[in-house]
Amino acid sequence: MSRVDEFFAERERLNELVFSRADLLTKRFFALDNDAYAEGALPRKIKELMGLVASLVLRCDDCVTYHLARSVEEGATEGEIVEAMGIALVIGGSIVIPHLRRAYALLAELKGGKNG
């Protein structure tokens, strides 16, 4: 099982745990988060790239993994992803670099390359 497959399996397991105990507020927030990435005036691919940028700037590795994988699933090219990650670096500064390194390793894995 790949690192991404393991991530999504663990995410699903933990979401089931959350939903089995969550109150209405939490369930509504999860629904809002899901709905924000639906096709609209902006296509899903662009929304996932935006999520990737925000995740890098906020330094959330789980979020980076999720949005990077979803960006690839939505058809983002490596060039589009690299440009988006460059924007995150400019916005977030050098503190983003460790997360950027891990994102590049994951991108290589997702694209079937080495160094992943």
C-alpha atoms as a PDB file:
ATOM      1  CA  MET A   1       0.000   0.000   0.000  1.00  0.00           C
ATOM      2  CA  SER A   2       1.408   3.409  -0.959  1.00  0.00           C
ATOM      3  CA  ARG A   3       1.892   6.243   1.495  1.00  0.00           C
ATOM      4  CA  VAL A   4      -1.063   8.065  -0.075  1.00  0.00           C
ATOM      5  CA  ASP A   5      -3.283   4.978   0.191  1.00  0.00           C
ATOM      6  CA  GLU A   6      -2.294   4.611   3.850  1.00  0.00           C
ATOM      7  CA  PHE A   7      -3.040   8.290   4.448  1.00  0.00           C
ATOM      8  CA  PHE A   8      -6.542   8.055   2.936  1.00  0.00           C
ATOM      9  CA  ALA A   9      -7.319   4.796   4.779  1.00  0.00           C
ATOM     10  CA  GLU A  10      -6.316   6.354   8.108  1.00  0.00           C
ATOM     11  CA  ARG A  11      -8.244   9.532   7.261  1.00  0.00           C
ATOM     12  CA  GLU A  12     -11.366   7.492   6.549  1.00  0.00           C
ATOM     13  CA  ARG A  13     -10.973   5.525   9.798  1.00  0.00           C
ATOM     14  CA  LEU A  14     -10.569   8.687  11.846  1.00  0.00           C
ATOM     15  CA  ASN A  15     -13.463  10.443  10.088  1.00  0.00           C
ATOM     16  CA  GLU A  16     -15.714   7.510  10.995  1.00  0.00           C
ATOM     17  CA  LEU A  17     -14.636   7.943  14.609  1.00  0.00           C
ATOM     18  CA  VAL A  18     -15.364  11.674  14.486  1.00  0.00           C
ATOM     19  CA  PHE A  19     -18.779  11.201  12.884  1.00  0.00           C
ATOM     20  CA  SER A  20     -19.764   8.516  15.377  1.00  0.00           C
ATOM     21  CA  ARG A  21     -19.373  11.060  18.200  1.00  0.00           C
ATOM     22  CA  ALA A  22     -19.643  14.493  16.582  1.00  0.00           C
ATOM     23  CA  ASP A  23     -22.262  17.074  17.350  1.00  0.00           C
ATOM     24  CA  LEU A  24     -24.268  18.914  14.690  1.00  0.00           C
ATOM     25  CA  LEU A  25     -21.800  21.815  14.554  1.00  0.00           C
ATOM     26  CA  THR A  26     -18.894  19.517  13.699  1.00  0.00           C
ATOM     27  CA  LYS A  27     -20.932  17.642  11.089  1.00  0.00           C
ATOM     28  CA  ARG A  28     -22.006  20.913   9.496  1.00  0.00           C
ATOM     29  CA  PHE A  29     -18.409  22.161   9.374  1.00  0.00           C
ATOM     30  CA  PHE A  30     -17.262  18.946   7.668  1.00  0.00           C
ATOM     31  CA  ALA A  31     -20.108  19.338   5.145  1.00  0.00           C
ATOM     32  CA  LEU A  32     -19.139  22.968   4.511  1.00  0.00           C
ATOM     33  CA  ASP A  33     -15.507  21.982   3.982  1.00  0.00           C
ATOM     34  CA  ASN A  34     -16.591  19.311   1.494  1.00  0.00           C
ATOM     35  CA  ASP A  35     -18.973  21.648  -0.336  1.00  0.00           C
ATOM     36  CA  ALA A  36     -16.330  24.379  -0.679  1.00  0.00           C
ATOM     37  CA  TYR A  37     -14.396  22.163  -3.109  1.00  0.00           C
ATOM     38  CA  ALA A  38     -17.387  21.326  -5.324  1.00  0.00           C
ATOM     39  CA  GLU A  39     -17.371  22.406  -8.957  1.00  0.00           C
ATOM     40  CA  GLY A  40     -18.524  26.005  -9.274  1.00  0.00           C
ATOM     41  CA  ALA A  41     -17.279  29.225 -10.838  1.00  0.00           C
ATOM     42  CA  LEU A  42     -13.831  27.809 -10.062  1.00  0.00           C
ATOM     43  CA  PRO A  43     -13.141  24.246 -11.188  1.00  0.00           C
ATOM     44  CA  ARG A  44     -12.226  21.628  -8.568  1.00  0.00           C
ATOM     45  CA  LYS A  45      -8.642  21.497  -9.812  1.00  0.00           C
ATOM     46  CA  ILE A  46      -8.109  25.193  -9.079  1.00  0.00           C
ATOM     47  CA  LYS A  47      -9.765  24.865  -5.668  1.00  0.00           C
ATOM     48  CA  GLU A  48      -7.494  21.946  -4.764  1.00  0.00           C
ATOM     49  CA  LEU A  49      -4.428  23.929  -5.851  1.00  0.00           C
ATOM     50  CA  MET A  50      -5.640  26.802  -3.668  1.00  0.00           C
ATOM     51  CA  GLY A  51      -6.063  24.344  -0.806  1.00  0.00           C
ATOM     52  CA  LEU A  52      -2.515  23.104  -1.410  1.00  0.00           C
ATOM     53  CA  VAL A  53      -1.125  26.648  -1.229  1.00  0.00           C
ATOM     54  CA  ALA A  54      -3.025  27.410   1.979  1.00  0.00           C
ATOM     55  CA  SER A  55      -1.951  24.097   3.505  1.00  0.00           C
ATOM     56  CA  LEU A  56       1.720  24.759   2.789  1.00  0.00           C
ATOM     57  CA  VAL A  57       1.512  28.280   4.198  1.00  0.00           C
ATOM     58  CA  LEU A  58      -0.298  27.000   7.307  1.00  0.00           C
ATOM     59  CA  ARG A  59       2.235  24.135   7.551  1.00  0.00           C
ATOM     60  CA  CYS A  60      -0.301  21.314   7.826  1.00  0.00           C
ATOM     61  CA  ASP A  61       1.350  18.180   6.421  1.00  0.00           C
ATOM     62  CA  ASP A  62      -1.892  16.158   6.489  1.00  0.00           C
ATOM     63  CA  CYS A  63      -3.605  18.933   4.540  1.00  0.00           C
ATOM     64  CA  VAL A  64      -0.697  19.156   2.084  1.00  0.00           C
ATOM     65  CA  THR A  65      -0.930  15.403   1.473  1.00  0.00           C
ATOM     66  CA  TYR A  66      -4.682  15.587   0.951  1.00  0.00           C
ATOM     67  CA  HIS A  67      -4.692  18.593  -1.396  1.00  0.00           C
ATOM     68  CA  LEU A  68      -1.637  17.446  -3.343  1.00  0.00           C
ATOM     69  CA  ALA A  69      -3.208  14.035  -3.978  1.00  0.00           C
ATOM     70  CA  ARG A  70      -6.554  15.644  -4.848  1.00  0.00           C
ATOM     71  CA  SER A  71      -4.847  18.126  -7.197  1.00  0.00           C
ATOM     72  CA  VAL A  72      -3.298  15.215  -9.091  1.00  0.00           C
ATOM     73  CA  GLU A  73      -6.659  13.382  -9.128  1.00  0.00           C
ATOM     74  CA  GLU A  74      -8.329  16.498 -10.530  1.00  0.00           C
ATOM     75  CA  GLY A  75      -5.814  16.626 -13.370  1.00  0.00           C
ATOM     76  CA  ALA A  76      -3.362  19.284 -12.218  1.00  0.00           C
ATOM     77  CA  THR A  77      -0.135  19.013 -14.171  1.00  0.00           C
ATOM     78  CA  GLU A  78       3.229  18.856 -12.455  1.00  0.00           C
ATOM     79  CA  GLY A  79       3.935  22.344 -13.780  1.00  0.00           C
ATOM     80  CA  GLU A  80       0.728  23.728 -12.270  1.00  0.00           C
ATOM     81  CA  ILE A  81       1.505  22.090  -8.928  1.00  0.00           C
ATOM     82  CA  VAL A  82       5.092  23.367  -8.930  1.00  0.00           C
ATOM     83  CA  GLU A  83       3.899  26.927  -9.647  1.00  0.00           C
ATOM     84  CA  ALA A  84       1.290  26.704  -6.887  1.00  0.00           C
ATOM     85  CA  MET A  85       3.904  25.460  -4.425  1.00  0.00           C
ATOM     86  CA  GLY A  86       6.193  28.330  -5.467  1.00  0.00           C
ATOM     87  CA  ILE A  87       3.429  30.794  -4.617  1.00  0.00           C
ATOM     88  CA  ALA A  88       3.089  29.137  -1.199  1.00  0.00           C
ATOM     89  CA  LEU A  89       6.806  29.571  -0.619  1.00  0.00           C
ATOM     90  CA  VAL A  90       6.684  33.259  -1.569  1.00  0.00           C
ATOM     91  CA  ILE A  91       3.673  33.865   0.683  1.00  0.00           C
ATOM     92  CA  GLY A  92       4.830  31.760   3.616  1.00  0.00           C
ATOM     93  CA  GLY A  93       8.572  32.322   3.490  1.00  0.00           C
ATOM     94  CA  SER A  94      11.366  30.020   4.527  1.00  0.00           C
ATOM     95  CA  ILE A  95       9.338  28.345   7.274  1.00  0.00           C
ATOM     96  CA  VAL A  96       7.437  26.586   4.462  1.00  0.00           C
ATOM     97  CA  ILE A  97      10.607  24.879   3.161  1.00  0.00           C
ATOM     98  CA  PRO A  98      10.419  21.675   5.292  1.00  0.00           C
ATOM     99  CA  HIS A  99       6.806  21.143   4.192  1.00  0.00           C
ATOM    100  CA  LEU A 100       7.738  21.961   0.605  1.00  0.00           C
ATOM    101  CA  ARG A 101      10.431  19.270   0.693  1.00  0.00           C
ATOM    102  CA  ARG A 102       7.919  16.658   1.838  1.00  0.00           C
ATOM    103  CA  ALA A 103       5.426  17.872  -0.782  1.00  0.00           C
ATOM    104  CA  TYR A 104       8.004  17.437  -3.554  1.00  0.00           C
ATOM    105  CA  ALA A 105       8.787  13.919  -2.304  1.00  0.00           C
ATOM    106  CA  LEU A 106       5.093  13.077  -2.350  1.00  0.00           C
ATOM    107  CA  LEU A 107       4.657  14.631  -5.800  1.00  0.00           C
ATOM    108  CA  ALA A 108       7.460  12.389  -7.091  1.00  0.00           C
ATOM    109  CA  GLU A 109       5.692   9.376  -5.569  1.00  0.00           C
ATOM    110  CA  LEU A 110       2.342  10.373  -7.042  1.00  0.00           C
ATOM    111  CA  LYS A 111       3.875  10.888 -10.473  1.00  0.00           C
ATOM    112  CA  GLY A 112       5.718   7.559 -10.251  1.00  0.00           C
ATOM    113  CA  GLY A 113       9.158   9.084  -9.977  1.00  0.00           C
ATOM    114  CA  LYS A 114      12.075   8.444  -7.704  1.00  0.00           C
ATOM    115  CA  ASN A 115      13.005  10.138  -4.436  1.00  0.00           C
ATOM    116  CA  GLY A 116       9.472   9.706  -3.081  1.00  0.00           C
END
